[in-house]
């Protein structure tokens, strides 16, 4: 029974959310992955599991090596100092150092075999960003300087590749060059992680420069949207790729800005993050079936990708964070309503009540498209990050409202 009210939301609702996120993280998500995903013989982590935890491919995605290592380090540093978490994080970092960096150019691979033999490298450097935050957490946990040195060098490599200062193999010709919002938004969150874990002095400038780029080139007030891909000067490109919006990605960028507004005490960043969230919620929320569409067209025209109306796990994780954070920072009950919609829809459709964790891929109506719990892209990252952050936000709101 609710006894008090927090800006239009009952205290019991916040307590329910806190318990859902906390218990889901500690009692469901982490136990599904660990120790199951730890390769005790050859190091690193597997992620290609069927719904019941059956390993169906023992190759290793390099994104997931960094992400798993980061998660374990983050939980060790911020949640509970479990030695097993730190040991697994150390062995993840060792696998990354030994097998996931190409010594010929210091770039990272994207996909390796179980034993670490390289299979594929991609033109972008997101592997470097995820490995950087992993090494940052290990530096914070251990104080070992080599982890901080490696974290900084990997982040410099990310910026060099993604800003075009280091050579890469182009995917397209030089005609009609484009850039993606993914580059500045990952720069923001990676720099924030490294600022917090390692004290990286240049991180704050990188964050603000990346925010300025998003505001200048990707946020389009005249269209009331946040573009996914634009020309090099921020111009909208009126072709399939240029018109395609990714609401979940833009909403993820929105909460990165909201977070910066929170830690810096900057109301203008909060306002910008909320505006981005508002526009992309209007673009992305499925009013008929519920959930967040994967792709939309800026003109409302058909999208060429055939999975455009599917519901993937990670946009819902990011939207749950963004709406809860926007409510905490503004007190606007509208964001509480949005959070309730996306939380309730997500928790109705994504969790696997029998085997644990979340399905990754749903049809538009919320029915599972695949029983996969992981692959090269899905592992223990978006879901546990959401659960951890939202657990902490709820704790803060309860303290603001007179104690937990």
Protein backbone atom coordinates (compact mmCIF):
# COMPACT_ATOMS: atom_id res chain seq x y z
CA UNK A 1 0.00 0.00 0.00
CA UNK A 2 1.39 3.38 -1.03
CA UNK A 3 1.90 5.83 1.83
CA UNK A 4 3.67 8.66 0.03
CA UNK A 5 3.92 10.06 -3.46
CA UNK A 6 7.01 10.98 -5.49
CA UNK A 7 6.05 13.65 -8.03
CA UNK A 8 3.01 11.76 -9.21
CA UNK A 9 4.42 8.23 -8.77
CA UNK A 10 3.70 6.19 -5.68
CA UNK A 11 6.56 5.16 -3.45
CA UNK A 12 5.46 1.57 -3.75
CA UNK A 13 5.89 1.77 -7.55
CA UNK A 14 9.48 2.98 -7.16
CA UNK A 15 10.16 0.23 -4.62
CA UNK A 16 8.67 -2.31 -7.02
CA UNK A 17 10.91 -1.05 -9.85
CA UNK A 18 13.98 -1.07 -7.62
CA UNK A 19 13.32 -4.65 -6.60
CA UNK A 20 12.61 -5.70 -10.19
CA UNK A 21 15.87 -4.30 -11.49
CA UNK A 22 17.99 -5.42 -8.53
CA UNK A 23 16.59 -8.93 -8.29
CA UNK A 24 16.61 -9.34 -12.06
CA UNK A 25 20.28 -8.43 -12.23
CA UNK A 26 21.57 -10.39 -9.25
CA UNK A 27 19.11 -13.26 -9.28
CA UNK A 28 18.52 -13.86 -12.99
CA UNK A 29 20.75 -12.13 -15.54
CA UNK A 30 24.12 -12.66 -13.88
CA UNK A 31 23.39 -16.30 -12.94
CA UNK A 32 22.29 -17.06 -16.51
CA UNK A 33 25.64 -15.90 -17.92
CA UNK A 34 28.16 -16.65 -15.20
CA UNK A 35 29.90 -19.03 -14.94
CA UNK A 36 28.25 -20.53 -18.05
CA UNK A 37 29.85 -18.05 -20.45
CA UNK A 38 33.37 -18.30 -18.99
CA UNK A 39 35.73 -20.49 -21.03
CA UNK A 40 37.71 -21.99 -18.19
CA UNK A 41 40.12 -23.77 -20.55
CA UNK A 42 41.04 -21.23 -23.24
CA UNK A 43 39.97 -17.94 -21.69
CA UNK A 44 37.50 -15.32 -22.73
CA UNK A 45 33.74 -15.59 -22.93
CA UNK A 46 31.17 -17.39 -25.04
CA UNK A 47 27.83 -15.73 -25.78
CA UNK A 48 26.10 -17.87 -28.44
CA UNK A 49 23.61 -19.65 -26.19
CA UNK A 50 20.17 -21.00 -26.93
CA UNK A 51 17.37 -20.13 -24.53
CA UNK A 52 18.20 -22.97 -22.12
CA UNK A 53 21.91 -22.16 -21.99
CA UNK A 54 23.01 -24.67 -24.63
CA UNK A 55 26.18 -23.43 -26.34
CA UNK A 56 25.53 -23.47 -30.09
CA UNK A 57 28.68 -21.74 -31.38
CA UNK A 58 32.03 -21.46 -29.57
CA UNK A 59 33.43 -18.58 -31.63
CA UNK A 60 33.97 -15.39 -29.63
CA UNK A 61 32.83 -11.90 -30.53
CA UNK A 62 35.38 -9.31 -29.53
CA UNK A 63 32.73 -6.76 -28.60
CA UNK A 64 31.49 -9.24 -26.04
CA UNK A 65 34.95 -9.90 -24.62
CA UNK A 66 35.19 -6.24 -23.69
CA UNK A 67 31.60 -5.95 -22.58
CA UNK A 68 31.70 -9.03 -20.33
CA UNK A 69 34.95 -7.87 -18.78
CA UNK A 70 33.55 -4.37 -18.23
CA UNK A 71 30.39 -5.69 -16.59
CA UNK A 72 32.30 -7.87 -14.16
CA UNK A 73 34.64 -5.01 -13.29
CA UNK A 74 31.78 -2.54 -12.89
CA UNK A 75 29.89 -4.89 -10.58
CA UNK A 76 33.05 -5.57 -8.56
CA UNK A 77 33.80 -1.86 -8.21
CA UNK A 78 30.29 -0.54 -7.63
CA UNK A 79 28.02 -3.36 -6.44
CA UNK A 80 29.89 -5.96 -4.42
CA UNK A 81 33.55 -6.92 -4.23
CA UNK A 82 33.16 -10.58 -5.16
CA UNK A 83 36.58 -12.04 -5.87
CA UNK A 84 35.14 -14.41 -8.46
CA UNK A 85 33.90 -11.44 -10.52
CA UNK A 86 37.35 -9.91 -10.45
CA UNK A 87 39.03 -13.20 -11.41
CA UNK A 88 36.73 -13.64 -14.39
CA UNK A 89 37.34 -10.03 -15.42
CA UNK A 90 41.10 -10.56 -15.27
CA UNK A 91 40.94 -13.64 -17.46
CA UNK A 92 38.73 -11.73 -19.92
CA UNK A 93 41.29 -8.94 -20.11
CA UNK A 94 44.07 -11.47 -20.62
CA UNK A 95 42.22 -13.02 -23.57
CA UNK A 96 41.72 -9.57 -25.09
CA UNK A 97 45.39 -8.68 -24.72
CA UNK A 98 46.67 -11.98 -26.07
CA UNK A 99 44.28 -12.68 -28.92
CA UNK A 100 42.06 -9.72 -29.82
CA UNK A 101 44.63 -7.08 -30.83
CA UNK A 102 46.31 -7.33 -34.22
CA UNK A 103 50.03 -6.71 -33.62
CA UNK A 104 50.53 -5.56 -37.21
CA UNK A 105 48.49 -2.37 -36.78
CA UNK A 106 47.30 -2.40 -33.12
CA UNK A 107 43.71 -2.58 -34.33
CA UNK A 108 41.32 -5.03 -32.71
CA UNK A 109 39.58 -7.95 -34.30
CA UNK A 110 35.80 -8.29 -34.37
CA UNK A 111 35.44 -12.09 -34.41
CA UNK A 112 37.85 -14.84 -33.32
CA UNK A 113 37.68 -18.59 -32.82
CA UNK A 114 37.42 -20.21 -29.41
CA UNK A 115 41.23 -20.38 -29.17
CA UNK A 116 41.65 -16.79 -30.35
CA UNK A 117 42.53 -17.30 -34.02
CA UNK A 118 41.32 -14.15 -35.82
CA UNK A 119 38.44 -14.49 -38.25
CA UNK A 120 37.29 -10.96 -39.04
CA UNK A 121 38.21 -7.33 -38.56
CA UNK A 122 35.79 -4.50 -39.28
CA UNK A 123 36.41 -0.99 -40.52
CA UNK A 124 35.06 0.62 -37.35
CA UNK A 125 36.64 0.53 -33.91
CA UNK A 126 33.87 -0.27 -31.45
CA UNK A 127 35.88 -3.28 -30.27
CA UNK A 128 38.48 -0.79 -29.05
CA UNK A 129 35.89 1.28 -27.17
CA UNK A 130 34.44 -1.71 -25.32
CA UNK A 131 37.89 -3.05 -24.47
CA UNK A 132 38.91 0.40 -23.21
CA UNK A 133 36.11 0.59 -20.64
CA UNK A 134 36.91 -2.97 -19.55
CA UNK A 135 40.53 -2.07 -18.87
CA UNK A 136 39.41 1.06 -17.06
CA UNK A 137 37.33 -0.96 -14.62
CA UNK A 138 40.24 -3.31 -13.99
CA UNK A 139 42.51 -0.36 -13.27
CA UNK A 140 39.98 0.94 -10.76
CA UNK A 141 39.67 -2.51 -9.19
CA UNK A 142 43.37 -3.34 -8.98
CA UNK A 143 45.33 -0.11 -9.26
CA UNK A 144 47.60 -1.80 -11.80
CA UNK A 145 48.94 0.91 -14.09
CA UNK A 146 49.15 -1.30 -17.16
CA UNK A 147 45.35 -1.49 -17.30
CA UNK A 148 45.04 2.30 -17.30
CA UNK A 149 47.73 2.64 -19.97
CA UNK A 150 45.98 0.10 -22.16
CA UNK A 151 42.56 1.71 -21.59
CA UNK A 152 43.84 5.09 -22.71
CA UNK A 153 45.66 3.75 -25.76
CA UNK A 154 42.60 1.78 -26.87
CA UNK A 155 40.41 4.87 -26.56
CA UNK A 156 42.90 6.93 -28.55
CA UNK A 157 42.81 4.21 -31.19
CA UNK A 158 39.00 4.35 -31.24
CA UNK A 159 39.01 8.11 -31.74
CA UNK A 160 41.74 7.93 -34.36
CA UNK A 161 39.95 5.36 -36.47
CA UNK A 162 36.46 6.74 -36.09
CA UNK A 163 37.49 10.34 -36.69
CA UNK A 164 39.36 9.33 -39.84
CA UNK A 165 42.84 10.13 -38.56
CA UNK A 166 44.03 6.53 -38.94
CA UNK A 167 43.76 4.49 -42.14
CA UNK A 168 40.89 2.03 -42.59
CA UNK A 169 39.50 0.10 -45.52
CA UNK A 170 36.47 2.10 -46.74
CA UNK A 171 33.11 0.39 -47.17
CA UNK A 172 31.88 2.84 -49.80
CA UNK A 173 33.41 4.99 -52.52
CA UNK A 174 34.27 8.60 -51.77
CA UNK A 175 31.06 9.79 -53.40
CA UNK A 176 28.34 10.87 -50.98
CA UNK A 177 30.35 10.49 -47.73
CA UNK A 178 28.39 10.02 -44.51
CA UNK A 179 28.87 9.83 -40.78
CA UNK A 180 26.91 8.05 -38.05
CA UNK A 181 25.69 9.23 -34.66
CA UNK A 182 27.28 6.09 -33.22
CA UNK A 183 30.73 7.66 -33.35
CA UNK A 184 30.14 10.68 -31.06
CA UNK A 185 27.70 8.86 -28.78
CA UNK A 186 30.12 6.01 -28.07
CA UNK A 187 32.85 8.61 -27.58
CA UNK A 188 30.67 10.24 -24.91
CA UNK A 189 29.93 7.11 -22.91
CA UNK A 190 33.45 5.70 -23.25
CA UNK A 191 35.04 8.97 -22.17
CA UNK A 192 32.65 9.18 -19.21
CA UNK A 193 33.56 5.64 -18.13
CA UNK A 194 37.28 6.37 -18.41
CA UNK A 195 36.95 9.69 -16.61
CA UNK A 196 35.26 7.91 -13.71
CA UNK A 197 37.47 4.81 -13.62
CA UNK A 198 40.90 6.18 -14.57
CA UNK A 199 40.74 9.97 -14.29
CA UNK A 200 41.44 10.48 -18.01
CA UNK A 201 42.09 14.24 -18.19
CA UNK A 202 41.09 14.70 -21.82
CA UNK A 203 37.76 12.91 -21.35
CA UNK A 204 35.70 15.97 -20.45
CA UNK A 205 36.74 17.82 -23.61
CA UNK A 206 35.99 14.75 -25.71
CA UNK A 207 32.54 14.50 -24.15
CA UNK A 208 31.65 18.12 -24.82
CA UNK A 209 33.02 18.07 -28.37
CA UNK A 210 30.97 14.96 -29.12
CA UNK A 211 27.84 16.50 -27.61
CA UNK A 212 28.36 19.59 -29.75
CA UNK A 213 28.63 17.41 -32.86
CA UNK A 214 25.38 15.62 -32.05
CA UNK A 215 23.59 18.89 -31.36
CA UNK A 216 24.97 20.54 -34.50
CA UNK A 217 24.74 17.75 -37.06
CA UNK A 218 22.27 15.06 -35.91
CA UNK A 219 19.55 16.89 -33.95
CA UNK A 220 17.06 18.33 -36.46
CA UNK A 221 14.46 20.64 -34.86
CA UNK A 222 12.89 21.34 -38.25
CA UNK A 223 12.18 17.62 -38.63
CA UNK A 224 11.65 16.93 -34.92
CA UNK A 225 13.97 13.96 -34.98
CA UNK A 226 17.51 12.74 -34.36
CA UNK A 227 19.19 11.43 -37.50
CA UNK A 228 21.15 8.18 -37.52
CA UNK A 229 23.26 9.02 -40.59
CA UNK A 230 24.00 12.41 -42.16
CA UNK A 231 26.41 13.95 -44.63
CA UNK A 232 29.75 15.16 -43.36
CA UNK A 233 28.33 18.63 -42.79
CA UNK A 234 25.19 17.36 -41.10
CA UNK A 235 23.01 17.48 -44.19
CA UNK A 236 20.10 15.05 -44.58
CA UNK A 237 20.72 12.62 -47.44
CA UNK A 238 17.46 11.84 -49.23
CA UNK A 239 18.12 8.18 -49.97
CA UNK A 240 17.23 4.97 -48.14
CA UNK A 241 20.25 4.95 -45.82
CA UNK A 242 20.11 8.66 -45.13
CA UNK A 243 16.41 8.65 -44.31
CA UNK A 244 16.54 5.61 -42.01
CA UNK A 245 16.12 6.43 -38.33
CA UNK A 246 17.09 4.12 -35.46
CA UNK A 247 14.92 5.29 -32.53
CA UNK A 248 16.62 3.05 -29.98
CA UNK A 249 20.07 4.35 -30.91
CA UNK A 250 18.96 7.98 -30.68
CA UNK A 251 17.26 7.34 -27.33
CA UNK A 252 20.46 5.73 -26.07
CA UNK A 253 22.32 8.89 -27.10
CA UNK A 254 19.65 10.92 -25.30
CA UNK A 255 20.30 9.25 -21.96
CA UNK A 256 24.04 9.69 -22.39
CA UNK A 257 23.33 13.44 -22.61
CA UNK A 258 20.91 13.28 -19.70
CA UNK A 259 23.59 11.55 -17.65
CA UNK A 260 26.12 14.24 -18.48
CA UNK A 261 23.57 16.86 -17.51
CA UNK A 262 23.07 15.07 -14.22
CA UNK A 263 26.74 14.72 -13.25
CA UNK A 264 27.65 18.23 -14.48
CA UNK A 265 24.57 19.97 -13.11
CA UNK A 266 23.91 21.31 -16.62
CA UNK A 267 20.22 21.99 -17.25
CA UNK A 268 20.81 22.68 -20.95
CA UNK A 269 22.07 19.13 -21.48
CA UNK A 270 19.05 17.76 -19.62
CA UNK A 271 16.79 19.83 -21.84
CA UNK A 272 18.53 18.61 -24.99
CA UNK A 273 18.43 14.98 -23.87
CA UNK A 274 14.72 15.26 -23.09
CA UNK A 275 14.02 16.82 -26.48
CA UNK A 276 15.83 13.98 -28.23
CA UNK A 277 13.90 11.44 -26.17
CA UNK A 278 10.56 13.13 -26.90
CA UNK A 279 11.07 13.23 -30.65
CA UNK A 280 12.32 9.68 -30.97
CA UNK A 281 9.64 8.28 -28.70
CA UNK A 282 7.09 9.81 -31.07
CA UNK A 283 8.94 8.28 -34.02
CA UNK A 284 9.66 4.93 -32.43
CA UNK A 285 6.78 3.85 -30.18
CA UNK A 286 4.44 1.37 -31.86
CA UNK A 287 0.99 2.76 -31.03
CA UNK A 288 -0.80 -0.34 -32.21
CA UNK A 289 1.27 -3.20 -30.77
CA UNK A 290 3.49 -1.45 -28.24
CA UNK A 291 7.26 -1.53 -28.04
CA UNK A 292 9.97 0.34 -29.93
CA UNK A 293 10.29 -0.12 -33.68
CA UNK A 294 13.80 -0.94 -34.88
CA UNK A 295 13.86 1.38 -37.92
CA UNK A 296 11.67 4.20 -39.19
CA UNK A 297 11.88 6.49 -42.23
CA UNK A 298 12.25 10.20 -41.56
CA UNK A 299 9.54 10.93 -44.14
CA UNK A 300 7.29 8.12 -42.98
CA UNK A 301 8.03 6.17 -46.14
CA UNK A 302 8.77 2.42 -46.28
CA UNK A 303 12.12 1.29 -44.87
CA UNK A 304 14.25 -1.04 -46.95
CA UNK A 305 15.38 -3.29 -44.07
CA UNK A 306 12.92 -6.16 -43.70
CA UNK A 307 13.33 -6.27 -39.88
CA UNK A 308 12.29 -2.64 -39.51
CA UNK A 309 9.23 -3.41 -37.37
CA UNK A 310 10.80 -6.05 -35.13
CA UNK A 311 11.35 -5.42 -31.44
CA UNK A 312 14.97 -5.94 -30.35
CA UNK A 313 15.95 -6.18 -26.70
CA UNK A 314 18.49 -3.37 -26.56
CA UNK A 315 16.35 -0.38 -27.71
CA UNK A 316 13.93 -1.27 -24.92
CA UNK A 317 16.77 -1.44 -22.38
CA UNK A 318 17.94 2.02 -23.47
CA UNK A 319 14.44 3.49 -23.46
CA UNK A 320 13.77 2.16 -19.96
CA UNK A 321 16.91 3.97 -18.76
CA UNK A 322 16.17 7.18 -20.67
CA UNK A 323 12.58 7.57 -19.49
CA UNK A 324 13.38 6.80 -15.85
CA UNK A 325 16.36 9.18 -15.87
CA UNK A 326 14.31 11.92 -17.54
CA UNK A 327 11.66 11.53 -14.85
CA UNK A 328 14.24 11.69 -12.06
CA UNK A 329 15.84 14.84 -13.49
CA UNK A 330 12.68 16.75 -14.45
CA UNK A 331 9.90 15.44 -12.22
CA UNK A 332 7.66 15.53 -15.31
CA UNK A 333 4.96 12.88 -14.86
CA UNK A 334 4.88 12.43 -18.64
CA UNK A 335 8.22 10.62 -18.44
CA UNK A 336 6.91 8.42 -15.66
CA UNK A 337 4.05 7.44 -17.96
CA UNK A 338 6.46 6.71 -20.81
CA UNK A 339 8.64 4.65 -18.49
CA UNK A 340 5.63 2.65 -17.33
CA UNK A 341 4.66 1.92 -20.92
CA UNK A 342 8.07 0.72 -22.04
CA UNK A 343 8.87 -1.11 -18.80
CA UNK A 344 5.58 -2.94 -18.67
CA UNK A 345 5.63 -3.90 -22.36
CA UNK A 346 9.24 -5.07 -22.16
CA UNK A 347 8.75 -7.12 -19.01
CA UNK A 348 5.64 -8.71 -20.48
CA UNK A 349 7.35 -9.91 -23.66
CA UNK A 350 11.15 -10.20 -23.39
CA UNK A 351 11.87 -12.22 -20.22
CA UNK A 352 12.07 -16.00 -20.50
CA UNK A 353 10.20 -17.06 -17.36
CA UNK A 354 11.31 -20.66 -17.66
CA UNK A 355 15.02 -20.42 -18.52
CA UNK A 356 15.96 -16.91 -17.45
CA UNK A 357 17.40 -13.81 -19.14
CA UNK A 358 15.66 -12.10 -22.08
CA UNK A 359 14.92 -13.11 -25.61
CA UNK A 360 16.77 -10.82 -27.98
CA UNK A 361 14.48 -10.68 -30.97
CA UNK A 362 10.69 -10.41 -31.08
CA UNK A 363 8.18 -10.04 -33.87
CA UNK A 364 6.21 -6.81 -33.98
CA UNK A 365 3.46 -8.29 -31.80
CA UNK A 366 5.94 -9.29 -29.08
CA UNK A 367 6.16 -12.99 -29.84
CA UNK A 368 9.69 -14.45 -29.97
CA UNK A 369 11.31 -14.54 -33.39
CA UNK A 370 14.29 -16.56 -32.16
CA UNK A 371 15.17 -18.49 -29.02
CA UNK A 372 18.73 -17.11 -29.02
CA UNK A 373 19.94 -15.57 -25.79
CA UNK A 374 23.25 -14.43 -27.28
CA UNK A 375 25.43 -14.12 -30.37
CA UNK A 376 28.19 -11.80 -31.64
CA UNK A 377 26.04 -8.77 -30.72
CA UNK A 378 23.96 -9.88 -27.76
CA UNK A 379 25.63 -10.81 -24.50
CA UNK A 380 25.59 -9.63 -20.88
CA UNK A 381 25.71 -5.90 -21.53
CA UNK A 382 22.60 -3.87 -22.44
CA UNK A 383 20.24 -5.74 -20.12
CA UNK A 384 22.47 -5.87 -17.02
CA UNK A 385 23.61 -2.28 -17.61
CA UNK A 386 19.96 -1.21 -17.66
CA UNK A 387 19.17 -3.20 -14.53
CA UNK A 388 22.18 -1.80 -12.66
CA UNK A 389 21.60 1.84 -13.64
CA UNK A 390 17.85 1.77 -13.02
CA UNK A 391 18.33 0.04 -9.66
CA UNK A 392 20.61 2.92 -8.64
CA UNK A 393 18.23 5.59 -9.97
CA UNK A 394 15.39 4.09 -7.96
CA UNK A 395 17.55 4.03 -4.82
CA UNK A 396 18.36 7.72 -5.36
CA UNK A 397 14.70 8.62 -5.81
CA UNK A 398 13.74 6.78 -2.64
CA UNK A 399 16.44 8.65 -0.72
CA UNK A 400 15.21 11.93 -2.18
CA UNK A 401 11.76 11.03 -0.95
CA UNK A 402 12.71 10.51 2.67
CA UNK A 403 14.90 7.42 2.88
CA UNK A 404 14.93 3.96 1.39
